[in-house]
Amino acid sequence: MILRPGQIAAAAGGTLGSVTAAPPPAEKPQVGTLTLTTGPNAGKQLQLTKALTTVGRPGVQVAAVTRRPDGYYIVHVSGQRNGDQPPPSVNGESISGHARQLSPGDEIKLAGATLTFSLADA
């Protein structure tokens, strides 16, 4: 049996109502990137393709960036809280022990380095 547009509801006895359009195509996944903006390695980039990526210097400060369905989050994992290094921060606000969602353009200060978060199509 072949049904033409407009005949579907009639074939079902009028119980289907109106036919809806197909859902829009899914958005392309975006990949996060951290770009080092200070020091001798300025310009180096780290693509955040894994579910969990650690950044920083062990024994000094380490943070973890996690990829979740609703975006990227950063949390302080270990390192000196009282010492030569100020606590890790995003846009000047300490991230302490709570996960903080990252947005494009966020400036992260960690272990004496400054990084910028961005998103790009995969």
PDB file of N, CA and C in Angstrom:
ATOM      1  N   MET A   1       0.835  -1.157   0.000  1.00  0.00           N
ATOM      2  CA  MET A   1       0.000   0.000   0.000  1.00  0.00           C
ATOM      3  C   MET A   1       0.893   1.238   0.000  1.00  0.00           C
ATOM      4  N   ILE A   2       0.561   2.183  -0.828  1.00  0.00           N
ATOM      5  CA  ILE A   2       1.315   3.423  -0.923  1.00  0.00           C
ATOM      6  C   ILE A   2       0.409   4.557  -0.484  1.00  0.00           C
ATOM      7  N   LEU A   3       0.911   5.366   0.445  1.00  0.00           N
ATOM      8  CA  LEU A   3       0.147   6.510   0.918  1.00  0.00           C
ATOM      9  C   LEU A   3       0.846   7.788   0.496  1.00  0.00           C
ATOM     10  N   ARG A   4       0.082   8.703   0.028  1.00  0.00           N
ATOM     11  CA  ARG A   4       0.623   9.999  -0.348  1.00  0.00           C
ATOM     12  C   ARG A   4       0.434  10.947   0.824  1.00  0.00           C
ATOM     13  N   PRO A   5       1.202  12.057   0.856  1.00  0.00           N
ATOM     14  CA  PRO A   5       1.005  13.037   1.930  1.00  0.00           C
ATOM     15  C   PRO A   5      -0.445  13.457   1.993  1.00  0.00           C
ATOM     16  N   GLY A   6      -0.980  13.574   3.185  1.00  0.00           N
ATOM     17  CA  GLY A   6      -2.372  13.942   3.362  1.00  0.00           C
ATOM     18  C   GLY A   6      -3.285  12.734   3.496  1.00  0.00           C
ATOM     19  N   GLN A   7      -2.827  11.544   3.048  1.00  0.00           N
ATOM     20  CA  GLN A   7      -3.645  10.341   3.137  1.00  0.00           C
ATOM     21  C   GLN A   7      -3.360   9.560   4.413  1.00  0.00           C
ATOM     22  N   ILE A   8      -2.287   9.923   5.143  1.00  0.00           N
ATOM     23  CA  ILE A   8      -1.911   9.151   6.329  1.00  0.00           C
ATOM     24  C   ILE A   8      -3.002   9.230   7.391  1.00  0.00           C
ATOM     25  N   ALA A   9      -3.484  10.433   7.689  1.00  0.00           N
ATOM     26  CA  ALA A   9      -4.527  10.596   8.698  1.00  0.00           C
ATOM     27  C   ALA A   9      -5.807   9.887   8.272  1.00  0.00           C
ATOM     28  N   ALA A  10      -6.140   9.968   6.995  1.00  0.00           N
ATOM     29  CA  ALA A  10      -7.360   9.321   6.508  1.00  0.00           C
ATOM     30  C   ALA A  10      -7.244   7.804   6.631  1.00  0.00           C
ATOM     31  N   ALA A  11      -6.065   7.242   6.356  1.00  0.00           N
ATOM     32  CA  ALA A  11      -5.858   5.804   6.436  1.00  0.00           C
ATOM     33  C   ALA A  11      -5.940   5.318   7.875  1.00  0.00           C
ATOM     34  N   ALA A  12      -5.574   6.174   8.822  1.00  0.00           N
ATOM     35  CA  ALA A  12      -5.612   5.798  10.233  1.00  0.00           C
ATOM     36  C   ALA A  12      -6.968   6.134  10.850  1.00  0.00           C
ATOM     37  N   GLY A  13      -7.906   6.504  10.056  1.00  0.00           N
ATOM     38  CA  GLY A  13      -9.229   6.824  10.563  1.00  0.00           C
ATOM     39  C   GLY A  13      -9.301   8.214  11.159  1.00  0.00           C
ATOM     40  N   GLY A  14      -8.362   9.066  10.772  1.00  0.00           N
ATOM     41  CA  GLY A  14      -8.378  10.437  11.244  1.00  0.00           C
ATOM     42  C   GLY A  14      -7.880  10.600  12.672  1.00  0.00           C
ATOM     43  N   THR A  15      -7.309   9.535  13.251  1.00  0.00           N
ATOM     44  CA  THR A  15      -6.882   9.620  14.655  1.00  0.00           C
ATOM     45  C   THR A  15      -5.481  10.172  14.824  1.00  0.00           C
ATOM     46  N   LEU A  16      -4.734  10.292  13.784  1.00  0.00           N
ATOM     47  CA  LEU A  16      -3.358  10.760  13.906  1.00  0.00           C
ATOM     48  C   LEU A  16      -3.256  12.266  14.039  1.00  0.00           C
ATOM     49  N   GLY A  17      -4.216  12.988  13.608  1.00  0.00           N
ATOM     50  CA  GLY A  17      -4.114  14.443  13.647  1.00  0.00           C
ATOM     51  C   GLY A  17      -3.145  14.906  12.584  1.00  0.00           C
ATOM     52  N   SER A  18      -2.498  16.007  12.856  1.00  0.00           N
ATOM     53  CA  SER A  18      -1.573  16.532  11.854  1.00  0.00           C
ATOM     54  C   SER A  18      -0.230  15.812  11.936  1.00  0.00           C
ATOM     55  N   VAL A  19       0.423  15.720  10.825  1.00  0.00           N
ATOM     56  CA  VAL A  19       1.727  15.085  10.748  1.00  0.00           C
ATOM     57  C   VAL A  19       2.781  16.138  11.036  1.00  0.00           C
ATOM     58  N   THR A  20       3.710  15.828  11.927  1.00  0.00           N
ATOM     59  CA  THR A  20       4.752  16.797  12.274  1.00  0.00           C
ATOM     60  C   THR A  20       5.995  16.552  11.429  1.00  0.00           C
ATOM     61  N   ALA A  21       6.755  17.608  11.278  1.00  0.00           N
ATOM     62  CA  ALA A  21       7.995  17.517  10.497  1.00  0.00           C
ATOM     63  C   ALA A  21       9.038  16.743  11.295  1.00  0.00           C
ATOM     64  N   ALA A  22      10.008  16.223  10.605  1.00  0.00           N
ATOM     65  CA  ALA A  22      11.103  15.504  11.253  1.00  0.00           C
ATOM     66  C   ALA A  22      11.870  16.456  12.168  1.00  0.00           C
ATOM     67  N   PRO A  23      12.434  15.940  13.255  1.00  0.00           N
ATOM     68  CA  PRO A  23      13.194  16.815  14.154  1.00  0.00           C
ATOM     69  C   PRO A  23      14.410  17.391  13.438  1.00  0.00           C
ATOM     70  N   PRO A  24      14.857  18.563  13.854  1.00  0.00           N
ATOM     71  CA  PRO A  24      16.024  19.148  13.201  1.00  0.00           C
ATOM     72  C   PRO A  24      17.251  18.274  13.437  1.00  0.00           C
ATOM     73  N   PRO A  25      18.207  18.321  12.518  1.00  0.00           N
ATOM     74  CA  PRO A  25      19.406  17.501  12.690  1.00  0.00           C
ATOM     75  C   PRO A  25      20.135  17.908  13.969  1.00  0.00           C
ATOM     76  N   ALA A  26      20.784  16.929  14.587  1.00  0.00           N
ATOM     77  CA  ALA A  26      21.523  17.195  15.824  1.00  0.00           C
ATOM     78  C   ALA A  26      22.664  18.167  15.555  1.00  0.00           C
ATOM     79  N   GLU A  27      22.949  19.001  16.565  1.00  0.00           N
ATOM     80  CA  GLU A  27      24.046  19.945  16.428  1.00  0.00           C
ATOM     81  C   GLU A  27      25.370  19.193  16.391  1.00  0.00           C
ATOM     82  N   LYS A  28      26.331  19.758  15.700  1.00  0.00           N
ATOM     83  CA  LYS A  28      27.649  19.151  15.665  1.00  0.00           C
ATOM     84  C   LYS A  28      28.268  19.262  17.047  1.00  0.00           C
ATOM     85  N   PRO A  29      28.908  18.198  17.516  1.00  0.00           N
ATOM     86  CA  PRO A  29      29.538  18.287  18.834  1.00  0.00           C
ATOM     87  C   PRO A  29      30.692  19.287  18.797  1.00  0.00           C
ATOM     88  N   GLN A  30      30.864  19.991  19.899  1.00  0.00           N
ATOM     89  CA  GLN A  30      31.954  20.946  19.996  1.00  0.00           C
ATOM     90  C   GLN A  30      33.014  20.400  20.943  1.00  0.00           C
ATOM     91  N   VAL A  31      34.262  20.678  20.632  1.00  0.00           N
ATOM     92  CA  VAL A  31      35.385  20.218  21.438  1.00  0.00           C
ATOM     93  C   VAL A  31      36.003  21.419  22.127  1.00  0.00           C
ATOM     94  N   GLY A  32      36.223  21.273  23.428  1.00  0.00           N
ATOM     95  CA  GLY A  32      36.857  22.332  24.195  1.00  0.00           C
ATOM     96  C   GLY A  32      38.357  22.347  23.970  1.00  0.00           C
ATOM     97  N   THR A  33      38.936  23.530  24.093  1.00  0.00           N
ATOM     98  CA  THR A  33      40.381  23.705  23.942  1.00  0.00           C
ATOM     99  C   THR A  33      40.872  24.662  25.014  1.00  0.00           C
ATOM    100  N   LEU A  34      42.006  24.313  25.621  1.00  0.00           N
ATOM    101  CA  LEU A  34      42.684  25.218  26.537  1.00  0.00           C
ATOM    102  C   LEU A  34      43.925  25.735  25.827  1.00  0.00           C
ATOM    103  N   THR A  35      44.093  27.056  25.792  1.00  0.00           N
ATOM    104  CA  THR A  35      45.251  27.675  25.155  1.00  0.00           C
ATOM    105  C   THR A  35      46.070  28.369  26.227  1.00  0.00           C
ATOM    106  N   LEU A  36      47.345  28.022  26.308  1.00  0.00           N
ATOM    107  CA  LEU A  36      48.250  28.656  27.261  1.00  0.00           C
ATOM    108  C   LEU A  36      48.558  30.055  26.757  1.00  0.00           C
ATOM    109  N   THR A  37      48.323  31.061  27.609  1.00  0.00           N
ATOM    110  CA  THR A  37      48.490  32.449  27.158  1.00  0.00           C
ATOM    111  C   THR A  37      49.678  33.151  27.813  1.00  0.00           C
ATOM    112  N   THR A  38      50.378  32.479  28.730  1.00  0.00           N
ATOM    113  CA  THR A  38      51.543  33.079  29.374  1.00  0.00           C
ATOM    114  C   THR A  38      52.719  32.122  29.348  1.00  0.00           C
ATOM    115  N   GLY A  39      53.912  32.672  29.568  1.00  0.00           N
ATOM    116  CA  GLY A  39      55.116  31.850  29.692  1.00  0.00           C
ATOM    117  C   GLY A  39      55.743  31.482  28.374  1.00  0.00           C
ATOM    118  N   PRO A  40      56.821  30.685  28.456  1.00  0.00           N
ATOM    119  CA  PRO A  40      57.572  30.329  27.251  1.00  0.00           C
ATOM    120  C   PRO A  40      56.796  29.433  26.282  1.00  0.00           C
ATOM    121  N   ASN A  41      55.766  28.765  26.778  1.00  0.00           N
ATOM    122  CA  ASN A  41      54.968  27.889  25.906  1.00  0.00           C
ATOM    123  C   ASN A  41      53.660  28.543  25.469  1.00  0.00           C
ATOM    124  N   ALA A  42      53.571  29.857  25.565  1.00  0.00           N
ATOM    125  CA  ALA A  42      52.347  30.576  25.179  1.00  0.00           C
ATOM    126  C   ALA A  42      51.951  30.193  23.755  1.00  0.00           C
ATOM    127  N   GLY A  43      50.667  29.953  23.570  1.00  0.00           N
ATOM    128  CA  GLY A  43      50.151  29.570  22.255  1.00  0.00           C
ATOM    129  C   GLY A  43      49.901  28.079  22.136  1.00  0.00           C
ATOM    130  N   LYS A  44      50.490  27.271  23.019  1.00  0.00           N
ATOM    131  CA  LYS A  44      50.240  25.829  22.963  1.00  0.00           C
ATOM    132  C   LYS A  44      48.793  25.564  23.320  1.00  0.00           C
ATOM    133  N   GLN A  45      48.213  24.563  22.651  1.00  0.00           N
ATOM    134  CA  GLN A  45      46.814  24.230  22.870  1.00  0.00           C
ATOM    135  C   GLN A  45      46.665  22.788  23.303  1.00  0.00           C
ATOM    136  N   LEU A  46      45.656  22.563  24.136  1.00  0.00           N
ATOM    137  CA  LEU A  46      45.322  21.221  24.595  1.00  0.00           C
ATOM    138  C   LEU A  46      43.850  21.000  24.285  1.00  0.00           C
ATOM    139  N   GLN A  47      43.572  20.052  23.377  1.00  0.00           N
ATOM    140  CA  GLN A  47      42.179  19.744  23.058  1.00  0.00           C
ATOM    141  C   GLN A  47      41.629  18.809  24.113  1.00  0.00           C
ATOM    142  N   LEU A  48      40.423  19.098  24.565  1.00  0.00           N
ATOM    143  CA  LEU A  48      39.788  18.346  25.636  1.00  0.00           C
ATOM    144  C   LEU A  48      38.861  17.292  25.036  1.00  0.00           C
ATOM    145  N   THR A  49      39.448  16.231  24.491  1.00  0.00           N
ATOM    146  CA  THR A  49      38.674  15.202  23.801  1.00  0.00           C
ATOM    147  C   THR A  49      38.270  14.045  24.719  1.00  0.00           C
ATOM    148  N   LYS A  50      38.878  13.940  25.880  1.00  0.00           N
ATOM    149  CA  LYS A  50      38.564  12.856  26.811  1.00  0.00           C
ATOM    150  C   LYS A  50      37.481  13.303  27.785  1.00  0.00           C
ATOM    151  N   ALA A  51      36.896  12.341  28.481  1.00  0.00           N
ATOM    152  CA  ALA A  51      35.877  12.662  29.484  1.00  0.00           C
ATOM    153  C   ALA A  51      36.494  13.418  30.654  1.00  0.00           C
ATOM    154  N   LEU A  52      37.775  13.154  30.955  1.00  0.00           N
ATOM    155  CA  LEU A  52      38.464  13.822  32.060  1.00  0.00           C
ATOM    156  C   LEU A  52      39.887  14.135  31.630  1.00  0.00           C
ATOM    157  N   THR A  53      40.285  15.382  31.790  1.00  0.00           N
ATOM    158  CA  THR A  53      41.647  15.813  31.464  1.00  0.00           C
ATOM    159  C   THR A  53      42.191  16.566  32.665  1.00  0.00           C
ATOM    160  N   THR A  54      43.409  16.203  33.114  1.00  0.00           N
ATOM    161  CA  THR A  54      44.016  16.943  34.217  1.00  0.00           C
ATOM    162  C   THR A  54      45.016  17.945  33.643  1.00  0.00           C
ATOM    163  N   VAL A  55      45.085  19.103  34.291  1.00  0.00           N
ATOM    164  CA  VAL A  55      46.018  20.152  33.892  1.00  0.00           C
ATOM    165  C   VAL A  55      46.692  20.696  35.138  1.00  0.00           C
ATOM    166  N   GLY A  56      47.872  21.246  34.967  1.00  0.00           N
ATOM    167  CA  GLY A  56      48.610  21.817  36.079  1.00  0.00           C
ATOM    168  C   GLY A  56      49.929  21.094  36.277  1.00  0.00           C
ATOM    169  N   ARG A  57      50.518  21.286  37.462  1.00  0.00           N
ATOM    170  CA  ARG A  57      51.789  20.643  37.787  1.00  0.00           C
ATOM    171  C   ARG A  57      51.625  19.849  39.074  1.00  0.00           C
ATOM    172  N   PRO A  58      51.831  18.527  39.002  1.00  0.00           N
ATOM    173  CA  PRO A  58      51.724  17.711  40.209  1.00  0.00           C
ATOM    174  C   PRO A  58      52.660  18.243  41.304  1.00  0.00           C
ATOM    175  N   GLY A  59      52.167  18.271  42.517  1.00  0.00           N
ATOM    176  CA  GLY A  59      52.932  18.795  43.636  1.00  0.00           C
ATOM    177  C   GLY A  59      52.801  20.296  43.798  1.00  0.00           C
ATOM    178  N   VAL A  60      52.298  20.973  42.774  1.00  0.00           N
ATOM    179  CA  VAL A  60      52.087  22.419  42.845  1.00  0.00           C
ATOM    180  C   VAL A  60      50.585  22.667  42.860  1.00  0.00           C
ATOM    181  N   GLN A  61      49.921  22.489  41.723  1.00  0.00           N
ATOM    182  CA  GLN A  61      48.460  22.577  41.615  1.00  0.00           C
ATOM    183  C   GLN A  61      48.007  21.737  40.435  1.00  0.00           C
ATOM    184  N   VAL A  62      46.913  21.024  40.646  1.00  0.00           N
ATOM    185  CA  VAL A  62      46.316  20.227  39.572  1.00  0.00           C
ATOM    186  C   VAL A  62      44.807  20.459  39.587  1.00  0.00           C
ATOM    187  N   ALA A  63      44.243  20.606  38.408  1.00  0.00           N
ATOM    188  CA  ALA A  63      42.795  20.726  38.243  1.00  0.00           C
ATOM    189  C   ALA A  63      42.351  19.697  37.214  1.00  0.00           C
ATOM    190  N   ALA A  64      41.100  19.319  37.287  1.00  0.00           N
ATOM    191  CA  ALA A  64      40.535  18.381  36.322  1.00  0.00           C
ATOM    192  C   ALA A  64      39.438  19.081  35.537  1.00  0.00           C
ATOM    193  N   VAL A  65      39.448  18.864  34.226  1.00  0.00           N
ATOM    194  CA  VAL A  65      38.397  19.381  33.355  1.00  0.00           C
ATOM    195  C   VAL A  65      37.611  18.171  32.884  1.00  0.00           C
ATOM    196  N   THR A  66      36.305  18.176  33.169  1.00  0.00           N
ATOM    197  CA  THR A  66      35.456  17.064  32.761  1.00  0.00           C
ATOM    198  C   THR A  66      34.497  17.505  31.667  1.00  0.00           C
ATOM    199  N   ARG A  67      34.247  16.588  30.764  1.00  0.00           N
ATOM    200  CA  ARG A  67      33.304  16.839  29.668  1.00  0.00           C
ATOM    201  C   ARG A  67      32.004  16.151  30.029  1.00  0.00           C
ATOM    202  N   ARG A  68      30.942  16.920  30.126  1.00  0.00           N
ATOM    203  CA  ARG A  68      29.617  16.399  30.458  1.00  0.00           C
ATOM    204  C   ARG A  68      28.678  16.728  29.305  1.00  0.00           C
ATOM    205  N   PRO A  69      27.499  16.110  29.286  1.00  0.00           N
ATOM    206  CA  PRO A  69      26.562  16.395  28.187  1.00  0.00           C
ATOM    207  C   PRO A  69      26.210  17.873  28.058  1.00  0.00           C
ATOM    208  N   ASP A  70      26.236  18.610  29.174  1.00  0.00           N
ATOM    209  CA  ASP A  70      25.857  20.024  29.111  1.00  0.00           C
ATOM    210  C   ASP A  70      27.045  20.976  29.068  1.00  0.00           C
ATOM    211  N   GLY A  71      28.260  20.454  28.893  1.00  0.00           N
ATOM    212  CA  GLY A  71      29.420  21.327  28.760  1.00  0.00           C
ATOM    213  C   GLY A  71      30.644  20.833  29.503  1.00  0.00           C
ATOM    214  N   TYR A  72      31.605  21.718  29.660  1.00  0.00           N
ATOM    215  CA  TYR A  72      32.865  21.407  30.324  1.00  0.00           C
ATOM    216  C   TYR A  72      32.877  22.048  31.708  1.00  0.00           C
ATOM    217  N   TYR A  73      33.449  21.304  32.671  1.00  0.00           N
ATOM    218  CA  TYR A  73      33.543  21.777  34.050  1.00  0.00           C
ATOM    219  C   TYR A  73      34.974  21.620  34.532  1.00  0.00           C
ATOM    220  N   ILE A  74      35.403  22.524  35.438  1.00  0.00           N
ATOM    221  CA  ILE A  74      36.732  22.453  36.016  1.00  0.00           C
ATOM    222  C   ILE A  74      36.602  22.402  37.529  1.00  0.00           C
ATOM    223  N   VAL A  75      37.468  21.616  38.167  1.00  0.00           N
ATOM    224  CA  VAL A  75      37.482  21.504  39.622  1.00  0.00           C
ATOM    225  C   VAL A  75      38.930  21.372  40.084  1.00  0.00           C
ATOM    226  N   HIS A  76      39.252  21.985  41.212  1.00  0.00           N
ATOM    227  CA  HIS A  76      40.588  21.891  41.799  1.00  0.00           C
ATOM    228  C   HIS A  76      40.732  20.504  42.411  1.00  0.00           C
ATOM    229  N   VAL A  77      41.819  19.795  42.054  1.00  0.00           N
ATOM    230  CA  VAL A  77      42.015  18.432  42.521  1.00  0.00           C
ATOM    231  C   VAL A  77      43.011  18.380  43.677  1.00  0.00           C
ATOM    232  N   SER A  78      44.189  18.960  43.471  1.00  0.00           N
ATOM    233  CA  SER A  78      45.205  18.898  44.518  1.00  0.00           C
ATOM    234  C   SER A  78      46.188  20.039  44.349  1.00  0.00           C
ATOM    235  N   GLY A  79      47.027  20.172  45.369  1.00  0.00           N
ATOM    236  CA  GLY A  79      48.067  21.181  45.311  1.00  0.00           C
ATOM    237  C   GLY A  79      47.966  22.141  46.463  1.00  0.00           C
ATOM    238  N   GLN A  80      48.905  23.044  46.500  1.00  0.00           N
ATOM    239  CA  GLN A  80      48.995  23.991  47.593  1.00  0.00           C
ATOM    240  C   GLN A  80      47.818  24.953  47.577  1.00  0.00           C
ATOM    241  N   ARG A  81      47.209  25.097  48.723  1.00  0.00           N
ATOM    242  CA  ARG A  81      46.175  26.118  48.873  1.00  0.00           C
ATOM    243  C   ARG A  81      46.753  27.294  49.645  1.00  0.00           C
ATOM    244  N   ASN A  82      47.712  27.024  50.498  1.00  0.00           N
ATOM    245  CA  ASN A  82      48.385  28.074  51.262  1.00  0.00           C
ATOM    246  C   ASN A  82      49.861  27.981  50.931  1.00  0.00           C
ATOM    247  N   GLY A  83      50.337  28.818  50.124  1.00  0.00           N
ATOM    248  CA  GLY A  83      51.723  28.765  49.734  1.00  0.00           C
ATOM    249  C   GLY A  83      52.038  29.868  48.763  1.00  0.00           C
ATOM    250  N   ASP A  84      52.989  29.574  47.906  1.00  0.00           N
ATOM    251  CA  ASP A  84      53.431  30.577  46.939  1.00  0.00           C
ATOM    252  C   ASP A  84      52.387  30.839  45.861  1.00  0.00           C
ATOM    253  N   GLN A  85      51.581  29.838  45.553  1.00  0.00           N
ATOM    254  CA  GLN A  85      50.607  29.972  44.462  1.00  0.00           C
ATOM    255  C   GLN A  85      49.249  30.409  45.002  1.00  0.00           C
ATOM    256  N   PRO A  86      48.602  31.359  44.354  1.00  0.00           N
ATOM    257  CA  PRO A  86      47.221  31.663  44.732  1.00  0.00           C
ATOM    258  C   PRO A  86      46.339  30.480  44.336  1.00  0.00           C
ATOM    259  N   PRO A  87      45.157  30.337  44.923  1.00  0.00           N
ATOM    260  CA  PRO A  87      44.285  29.217  44.550  1.00  0.00           C
ATOM    261  C   PRO A  87      43.897  29.312  43.074  1.00  0.00           C
ATOM    262  N   PRO A  88      43.660  28.169  42.434  1.00  0.00           N
ATOM    263  CA  PRO A  88      43.244  28.223  41.028  1.00  0.00           C
ATOM    264  C   PRO A  88      41.947  29.004  40.892  1.00  0.00           C
ATOM    265  N   SER A  89      41.819  29.701  39.757  1.00  0.00           N
ATOM    266  CA  SER A  89      40.634  30.547  39.576  1.00  0.00           C
ATOM    267  C   SER A  89      40.177  30.568  38.124  1.00  0.00           C
ATOM    268  N   VAL A  90      38.917  30.926  37.957  1.00  0.00           N
ATOM    269  CA  VAL A  90      38.325  31.153  36.637  1.00  0.00           C
ATOM    270  C   VAL A  90      37.783  32.573  36.666  1.00  0.00           C
ATOM    271  N   ASN A  91      38.290  33.401  35.771  1.00  0.00           N
ATOM    272  CA  ASN A  91      37.892  34.814  35.695  1.00  0.00           C
ATOM    273  C   ASN A  91      38.022  35.521  37.043  1.00  0.00           C
ATOM    274  N   GLY A  92      39.086  35.170  37.783  1.00  0.00           N
ATOM    275  CA  GLY A  92      39.368  35.821  39.054  1.00  0.00           C
ATOM    276  C   GLY A  92      38.644  35.254  40.260  1.00  0.00           C
ATOM    277  N   GLU A  93      37.744  34.280  40.045  1.00  0.00           N
ATOM    278  CA  GLU A  93      37.005  33.666  41.144  1.00  0.00           C
ATOM    279  C   GLU A  93      37.579  32.286  41.442  1.00  0.00           C
ATOM    280  N   SER A  94      37.926  32.043  42.712  1.00  0.00           N
ATOM    281  CA  SER A  94      38.494  30.763  43.127  1.00  0.00           C
ATOM    282  C   SER A  94      37.546  29.619  42.793  1.00  0.00           C
ATOM    283  N   ILE A  95      38.112  28.498  42.301  1.00  0.00           N
ATOM    284  CA  ILE A  95      37.268  27.338  41.997  1.00  0.00           C
ATOM    285  C   ILE A  95      37.225  26.379  43.177  1.00  0.00           C
ATOM    286  N   SER A  96      38.095  26.534  44.159  1.00  0.00           N
ATOM    287  CA  SER A  96      38.152  25.701  45.364  1.00  0.00           C
ATOM    288  C   SER A  96      37.729  24.276  45.073  1.00  0.00           C
ATOM    289  N   GLY A  97      36.807  23.699  45.858  1.00  0.00           N
ATOM    290  CA  GLY A  97      36.446  22.293  45.686  1.00  0.00           C
ATOM    291  C   GLY A  97      35.188  22.057  44.887  1.00  0.00           C
ATOM    292  N   HIS A  98      34.597  23.101  44.349  1.00  0.00           N
ATOM    293  CA  HIS A  98      33.342  22.956  43.610  1.00  0.00           C
ATOM    294  C   HIS A  98      33.594  23.020  42.109  1.00  0.00           C
ATOM    295  N   ALA A  99      32.908  22.149  41.373  1.00  0.00           N
ATOM    296  CA  ALA A  99      33.022  22.167  39.913  1.00  0.00           C
ATOM    297  C   ALA A  99      32.379  23.444  39.381  1.00  0.00           C
ATOM    298  N   ARG A 100      33.027  24.042  38.415  1.00  0.00           N
ATOM    299  CA  ARG A 100      32.508  25.273  37.801  1.00  0.00           C
ATOM    300  C   ARG A 100      32.426  25.061  36.299  1.00  0.00           C
ATOM    301  N   GLN A 101      31.292  25.404  35.696  1.00  0.00           N
ATOM    302  CA  GLN A 101      31.125  25.244  34.260  1.00  0.00           C
ATOM    303  C   GLN A 101      31.941  26.299  33.527  1.00  0.00           C
ATOM    304  N   LEU A 102      32.591  25.870  32.453  1.00  0.00           N
ATOM    305  CA  LEU A 102      33.409  26.773  31.649  1.00  0.00           C
ATOM    306  C   LEU A 102      32.605  27.304  30.461  1.00  0.00           C
ATOM    307  N   SER A 103      32.865  28.552  30.125  1.00  0.00           N
ATOM    308  CA  SER A 103      32.263  29.196  28.958  1.00  0.00           C
ATOM    309  C   SER A 103      33.382  29.689  28.053  1.00  0.00           C
ATOM    310  N   PRO A 104      33.143  29.772  26.739  1.00  0.00           N
ATOM    311  CA  PRO A 104      34.180  30.282  25.843  1.00  0.00           C
ATOM    312  C   PRO A 104      34.685  31.641  26.314  1.00  0.00           C
ATOM    313  N   GLY A 105      36.009  31.797  26.318  1.00  0.00           N
ATOM    314  CA  GLY A 105      36.633  33.047  26.724  1.00  0.00           C
ATOM    315  C   GLY A 105      37.040  33.076  28.189  1.00  0.00           C
ATOM    316  N   ASP A 106      36.636  32.069  28.973  1.00  0.00           N
ATOM    317  CA  ASP A 106      37.019  32.042  30.382  1.00  0.00           C
ATOM    318  C   ASP A 106      38.531  31.976  30.518  1.00  0.00           C
ATOM    319  N   GLU A 107      39.055  32.749  31.484  1.00  0.00           N
ATOM    320  CA  GLU A 107      40.489  32.782  31.765  1.00  0.00           C
ATOM    321  C   GLU A 107      40.744  31.991  33.045  1.00  0.00           C
ATOM    322  N   ILE A 108      41.580  30.966  32.935  1.00  0.00           N
ATOM    323  CA  ILE A 108      41.887  30.079  34.046  1.00  0.00           C
ATOM    324  C   ILE A 108      43.311  30.357  34.511  1.00  0.00           C
ATOM    325  N   LYS A 109      43.488  30.562  35.809  1.00  0.00           N
ATOM    326  CA  LYS A 109      44.823  30.728  36.386  1.00  0.00           C
ATOM    327  C   LYS A 109      45.082  29.517  37.264  1.00  0.00           C
ATOM    328  N   LEU A 110      46.185  28.817  36.958  1.00  0.00           N
ATOM    329  CA  LEU A 110      46.498  27.567  37.634  1.00  0.00           C
ATOM    330  C   LEU A 110      47.996  27.360  37.638  1.00  0.00           C
ATOM    331  N   ALA A 111      48.568  27.128  38.812  1.00  0.00           N
ATOM    332  CA  ALA A 111      49.993  26.817  38.953  1.00  0.00           C
ATOM    333  C   ALA A 111      50.880  27.873  38.297  1.00  0.00           C
ATOM    334  N   GLY A 112      50.492  29.122  38.417  1.00  0.00           N
ATOM    335  CA  GLY A 112      51.297  30.212  37.863  1.00  0.00           C
ATOM    336  C   GLY A 112      51.127  30.438  36.379  1.00  0.00           C
ATOM    337  N   ALA A 113      50.248  29.691  35.739  1.00  0.00           N
ATOM    338  CA  ALA A 113      50.011  29.834  34.293  1.00  0.00           C
ATOM    339  C   ALA A 113      48.605  30.366  34.056  1.00  0.00           C
ATOM    340  N   THR A 114      48.413  30.982  32.903  1.00  0.00           N
ATOM    341  CA  THR A 114      47.098  31.462  32.501  1.00  0.00           C
ATOM    342  C   THR A 114      46.689  30.746  31.222  1.00  0.00           C
ATOM    343  N   LEU A 115      45.469  30.210  31.222  1.00  0.00           N
ATOM    344  CA  LEU A 115      44.932  29.493  30.070  1.00  0.00           C
ATOM    345  C   LEU A 115      43.589  30.106  29.700  1.00  0.00           C
ATOM    346  N   THR A 116      43.239  29.995  28.431  1.00  0.00           N
ATOM    347  CA  THR A 116      41.946  30.482  27.955  1.00  0.00           C
ATOM    348  C   THR A 116      41.162  29.300  27.391  1.00  0.00           C
ATOM    349  N   PHE A 117      39.895  29.200  27.780  1.00  0.00           N
ATOM    350  CA  PHE A 117      39.028  28.127  27.310  1.00  0.00           C
ATOM    351  C   PHE A 117      38.271  28.582  26.071  1.00  0.00           C
ATOM    352  N   SER A 118      38.152  27.695  25.080  1.00  0.00           N
ATOM    353  CA  SER A 118      37.366  27.987  23.879  1.00  0.00           C
ATOM    354  C   SER A 118      36.688  26.705  23.383  1.00  0.00           C
ATOM    355  N   LEU A 119      35.715  26.866  22.507  1.00  0.00           N
ATOM    356  CA  LEU A 119      35.006  25.752  21.886  1.00  0.00           C
ATOM    357  C   LEU A 119      35.144  25.854  20.371  1.00  0.00           C
ATOM    358  N   ALA A 120      35.255  24.694  19.730  1.00  0.00           N
ATOM    359  CA  ALA A 120      35.309  24.648  18.269  1.00  0.00           C
ATOM    360  C   ALA A 120      34.541  23.426  17.796  1.00  0.00           C
ATOM    361  N   ASP A 121      34.005  23.476  16.569  1.00  0.00           N
ATOM    362  CA  ASP A 121      33.306  22.320  16.017  1.00  0.00           C
ATOM    363  C   ASP A 121      34.278  21.173  15.854  1.00  0.00           C
ATOM    364  N   ALA A 122      33.758  19.973  16.149  1.00  0.00           N
ATOM    365  CA  ALA A 122      34.591  18.757  16.045  1.00  0.00           C
ATOM    366  C   ALA A 122      34.832  18.384  14.602  1.00  0.00           C
TER     367      ALA A 122
END
